[in-house]
Structures are given as C-alpha cells and as structure tokens.
C-alpha atoms as a PDB file:
ATOM      1  CA  MET A   1     -33.059-116.047 -80.248  1.00  0.00           C
ATOM      2  CA  ARG A   2     -30.165-113.918 -78.643  1.00  0.00           C
ATOM      3  CA  PRO A   3     -26.958-115.317 -77.196  1.00  0.00           C
ATOM      4  CA  SER A   4     -26.605-115.903 -73.351  1.00  0.00           C
ATOM      5  CA  GLY A   5     -23.245-115.874 -70.982  1.00  0.00           C
ATOM      6  CA  GLN A   6     -20.457-116.439 -72.603  1.00  0.00           C
ATOM      7  CA  GLU A   7     -20.887-116.981 -75.891  1.00  0.00           C
ATOM      8  CA  ALA A   8     -22.991-113.076 -75.782  1.00  0.00           C
ATOM      9  CA  ASP A   9     -19.507-111.963 -74.002  1.00  0.00           C
ATOM     10  CA  ARG A  10     -17.480-113.109 -77.483  1.00  0.00           C
ATOM     11  CA  GLY A  11     -20.127-111.811 -80.035  1.00  0.00           C
ATOM     12  CA  PRO A  12     -19.591-108.675 -82.138  1.00  0.00           C
ATOM     13  CA  SER A  13     -18.453-105.473 -80.761  1.00  0.00           C
ATOM     14  CA  THR A  14     -18.014-101.835 -81.682  1.00  0.00           C
ATOM     15  CA  GLY A  15     -15.806-101.551 -78.565  1.00  0.00           C
ATOM     16  CA  PRO A  16     -12.370-101.643 -78.178  1.00  0.00           C
ATOM     17  CA  VAL A  17     -10.317-104.721 -78.857  1.00  0.00           C
ATOM     18  CA  GLU A  18      -9.600-106.566 -75.526  1.00  0.00           C
ATOM     19  CA  LEU A  19      -6.351-108.292 -75.302  1.00  0.00           C
ATOM     20  CA  THR A  20      -4.227-110.157 -72.286  1.00  0.00           C
ATOM     21  CA  LEU A  21      -0.837-110.945 -72.743  1.00  0.00           C
ATOM     22  CA  PHE A  22       0.635-113.704 -70.526  1.00  0.00           C
ATOM     23  CA  VAL A  23       4.450-113.310 -69.290  1.00  0.00           C
ATOM     24  CA  SER A  24       6.616-115.573 -67.457  1.00  0.00           C
ATOM     25  CA  GLY A  25       7.233-113.113 -64.597  1.00  0.00           C
ATOM     26  CA  ALA A  26      10.395-110.742 -66.068  1.00  0.00           C
ATOM     27  CA  ALA A  27      11.957-113.065 -68.433  1.00  0.00           C
ATOM     28  CA  PRO A  28      13.590-111.270 -70.947  1.00  0.00           C
ATOM     29  CA  ARG A  29      11.059-112.815 -73.980  1.00  0.00           C
ATOM     30  CA  SER A  30       9.178-111.548 -71.524  1.00  0.00           C
ATOM     31  CA  THR A  31       9.978-107.738 -71.097  1.00  0.00           C
ATOM     32  CA  THR A  32      10.350-107.586 -74.236  1.00  0.00           C
ATOM     33  CA  ALA A  33       6.967-108.589 -75.421  1.00  0.00           C
ATOM     34  CA  VAL A  34       5.578-106.495 -72.497  1.00  0.00           C
ATOM     35  CA  ALA A  35       7.673-103.392 -74.061  1.00  0.00           C
ATOM     36  CA  VAL A  36       6.597-104.398 -77.581  1.00  0.00           C
ATOM     37  CA  VAL A  37       2.961-104.852 -77.491  1.00  0.00           C
ATOM     38  CA  ARG A  38       2.373-101.643 -74.869  1.00  0.00           C
ATOM     39  CA  ALA A  39       4.370 -99.297 -77.710  1.00  0.00           C
ATOM     40  CA  VAL A  40       1.813-101.091 -80.381  1.00  0.00           C
ATOM     41  CA  CYS A  41      -1.220-100.800 -78.613  1.00  0.00           C
ATOM     42  CA  ASP A  42      -0.264 -96.727 -77.358  1.00  0.00           C
ATOM     43  CA  GLY A  43       0.663 -95.630 -80.135  1.00  0.00           C
ATOM     44  CA  ASP A  44      -1.934 -96.050 -83.800  1.00  0.00           C
ATOM     45  CA  LEU A  45      -4.150 -98.440 -81.717  1.00  0.00           C
ATOM     46  CA  ALA A  46      -4.252 -95.915 -78.793  1.00  0.00           C
ATOM     47  CA  GLY A  47      -8.157 -95.861 -77.970  1.00  0.00           C
ATOM     48  CA  GLY A  48      -9.033 -98.700 -79.719  1.00  0.00           C
ATOM     49  CA  VAL A  49      -7.248-101.520 -77.256  1.00  0.00           C
ATOM     50  CA  ARG A  50      -7.738-102.765 -73.896  1.00  0.00           C
ATOM     51  CA  LEU A  51      -4.642-104.248 -72.691  1.00  0.00           C
ATOM     52  CA  GLN A  52      -3.788-106.191 -69.360  1.00  0.00           C
ATOM     53  CA  VAL A  53      -0.703-108.403 -68.577  1.00  0.00           C
ATOM     54  CA  GLN A  54      -1.053-110.927 -66.443  1.00  0.00           C
ATOM     55  CA  ASP A  55       2.177-112.965 -65.296  1.00  0.00           C
ATOM     56  CA  ALA A  56       1.380-116.486 -65.722  1.00  0.00           C
ATOM     57  CA  LEU A  57       3.765-117.426 -63.116  1.00  0.00           C
ATOM     58  CA  ALA A  58       1.948-116.031 -60.244  1.00  0.00           C
ATOM     59  CA  ASP A  59      -1.239-116.873 -61.641  1.00  0.00           C
ATOM     60  CA  PRO A  60      -1.153-120.406 -63.512  1.00  0.00           C
ATOM     61  CA  ARG A  61      -4.586-121.103 -63.475  1.00  0.00           C
ATOM     62  CA  ALA A  62      -6.068-117.287 -65.655  1.00  0.00           C
ATOM     63  CA  ALA A  63      -3.108-119.292 -68.332  1.00  0.00           C
ATOM     64  CA  ARG A  64      -5.082-122.512 -68.366  1.00  0.00           C
ATOM     65  CA  ALA A  65      -8.402-121.048 -67.968  1.00  0.00           C
ATOM     66  CA  GLN A  66      -7.139-119.198 -71.461  1.00  0.00           C
ATOM     67  CA  ASP A  67      -6.143-122.146 -72.838  1.00  0.00           C
ATOM     68  CA  VAL A  68      -2.433-120.537 -72.737  1.00  0.00           C
ATOM     69  CA  VAL A  69       0.643-122.830 -73.221  1.00  0.00           C
ATOM     70  CA  VAL A  70       3.715-121.199 -74.360  1.00  0.00           C
ATOM     71  CA  LEU A  71       4.534-117.317 -72.620  1.00  0.00           C
ATOM     72  CA  PRO A  72       4.799-114.914 -73.920  1.00  0.00           C
ATOM     73  CA  THR A  73       1.364-115.051 -75.407  1.00  0.00           C
ATOM     74  CA  LEU A  74      -0.999-112.647 -76.720  1.00  0.00           C
ATOM     75  CA  VAL A  75      -4.852-113.405 -75.916  1.00  0.00           C
ATOM     76  CA  ALA A  76      -7.715-111.428 -77.704  1.00  0.00           C
ATOM     77  CA  THR A  77     -10.719-111.841 -75.956  1.00  0.00           C
ATOM     78  CA  ARG A  78     -13.101-109.378 -77.595  1.00  0.00           C
ATOM     79  CA  PRO A  79     -14.317-108.860 -80.130  1.00  0.00           C
ATOM     80  CA  GLY A  80     -15.359-112.623 -82.115  1.00  0.00           C
ATOM     81  CA  PRO A  81     -13.935-115.999 -80.556  1.00  0.00           C
ATOM     82  CA  ARG A  82     -10.692-115.693 -78.788  1.00  0.00           C
ATOM     83  CA  ARG A  83      -7.034-115.847 -79.977  1.00  0.00           C
ATOM     84  CA  HIS A  84      -3.533-116.615 -79.884  1.00  0.00           C
ATOM     85  CA  LEU A  85      -0.684-114.586 -80.927  1.00  0.00           C
ATOM     86  CA  VAL A  86       2.597-116.568 -79.715  1.00  0.00           C
ATOM     87  CA  MET A  87       4.847-113.779 -78.987  1.00  0.00           C
ATOM     88  CA  ASP A  88       7.649-115.965 -80.747  1.00  0.00           C
ATOM     89  CA  ARG A  89       8.979-112.779 -83.054  1.00  0.00           C
ATOM     90  CA  THR A  90       9.008-109.159 -81.282  1.00  0.00           C
ATOM     91  CA  ASP A  91       8.216-107.943 -84.494  1.00  0.00           C
ATOM     92  CA  ALA A  92       5.560-104.706 -84.022  1.00  0.00           C
ATOM     93  CA  ASP A  93       4.715-104.240 -87.681  1.00  0.00           C
ATOM     94  CA  GLN A  94       3.084-107.873 -87.079  1.00  0.00           C
ATOM     95  CA  VAL A  95       1.761-107.231 -83.533  1.00  0.00           C
ATOM     96  CA  ARG A  96      -0.120-104.724 -85.159  1.00  0.00           C
ATOM     97  CA  ALA A  97      -1.011-106.300 -87.798  1.00  0.00           C
ATOM     98  CA  TRP A  98      -2.877-109.042 -85.578  1.00  0.00           C
ATOM     99  CA  ILE A  99      -4.461-106.699 -83.698  1.00  0.00           C
ATOM    100  CA  SER A 100      -5.812-104.289 -86.619  1.00  0.00           C
ATOM    101  CA  ALA A 101      -7.439-107.702 -88.183  1.00  0.00           C
ATOM    102  CA  LEU A 102      -9.033-108.136 -85.396  1.00  0.00           C
ATOM    103  CA  SER A 103     -10.678-104.931 -85.190  1.00  0.00           C
ATOM    104  CA  PRO A 104     -14.466-104.740 -86.210  1.00  0.00           C
ATOM    105  CA  ALA A 105     -13.294-101.982 -88.216  1.00  0.00           C
ATOM    106  CA  ALA A 106     -11.005-103.669 -90.116  1.00  0.00           C
ATOM    107  CA  PRO A 107     -12.146-104.065 -93.908  1.00  0.00           C
ATOM    108  CA  ARG A 108     -13.081-107.413 -94.009  1.00  0.00           C
ATOM    109  CA  ASP A 109     -11.219-108.085 -97.502  1.00  0.00           C
ATOM    110  CA  ALA A 110      -7.555-107.015 -96.008  1.00  0.00           C
ATOM    111  CA  PRO A 111      -4.746-109.517 -95.672  1.00  0.00           C
ATOM    112  CA  ALA A 112      -4.285-111.718 -93.281  1.00  0.00           C
ATOM    113  CA  PRO A 113      -1.595-111.177 -91.358  1.00  0.00           C
ATOM    114  CA  GLU A 114       1.461-113.834 -91.987  1.00  0.00           C
ATOM    115  CA  VAL A 115       2.347-116.340 -89.998  1.00  0.00           C
ATOM    116  CA  HIS A 116       5.419-117.594 -88.932  1.00  0.00           C
ATOM    117  CA  ARG A 117       5.988-120.941 -87.442  1.00  0.00           C
END
C-alpha cells in the first residue's frame, strides 16, 4: 500500500535535501545563521540542497506549523521525517555534517553528527 498525503511527501527521496531556516528578522544570531547555512549549501553541498529562509516574526504560523520554538532553527523536511537543528552554534562543519547525514546518498554506517547542548 502506498502512503498518501503528507506521509508520501516525507518518504525516501532521491532529490535534494529540503531545508527551511527559521530566523528572527535581522537579529545578529539569525544573520549569522543565514550566512553559515548559505555558505555550506552553496559550497560542498551545491545542487544537493534546496534552502528556504523564513522570517518567523513575519510569519509565526509557518514556524508553529513546523514545531519551531527556538530561533534560529534549521528544519529538514525531505528526505524522511522532519528534523530540527537549533542553530545555537555557528559551526559550519557541524551544519555540513548534519545536512550530509540527511542525504539519501550518505553512507548509513557514517557516524551521526555530534550534538552539543
């Protein structure tokens, strides 16, 4: 039986990783997060990532719909289930590892990105 609706949208995909970066306007942490994520997506991962930047102050419903409670937060919607990365650090290597691990082409035995709290 084939999944329908939203479940089908979250299934395995061979297309690009789809990300939304939720920010709080032009706040310093948000502008830094945008710069870091864009640099990663436009660098090594160019062509494999589709990035949208969403201002949660301008559209709070969009942030709530994605269960975003902290800004800035990077949300992966494809492939697989929705995942969140709170951008409390601006470490490009951590962001790159997190995005790379989402890719269907990533080796499944690769270590998971380190989580800092």
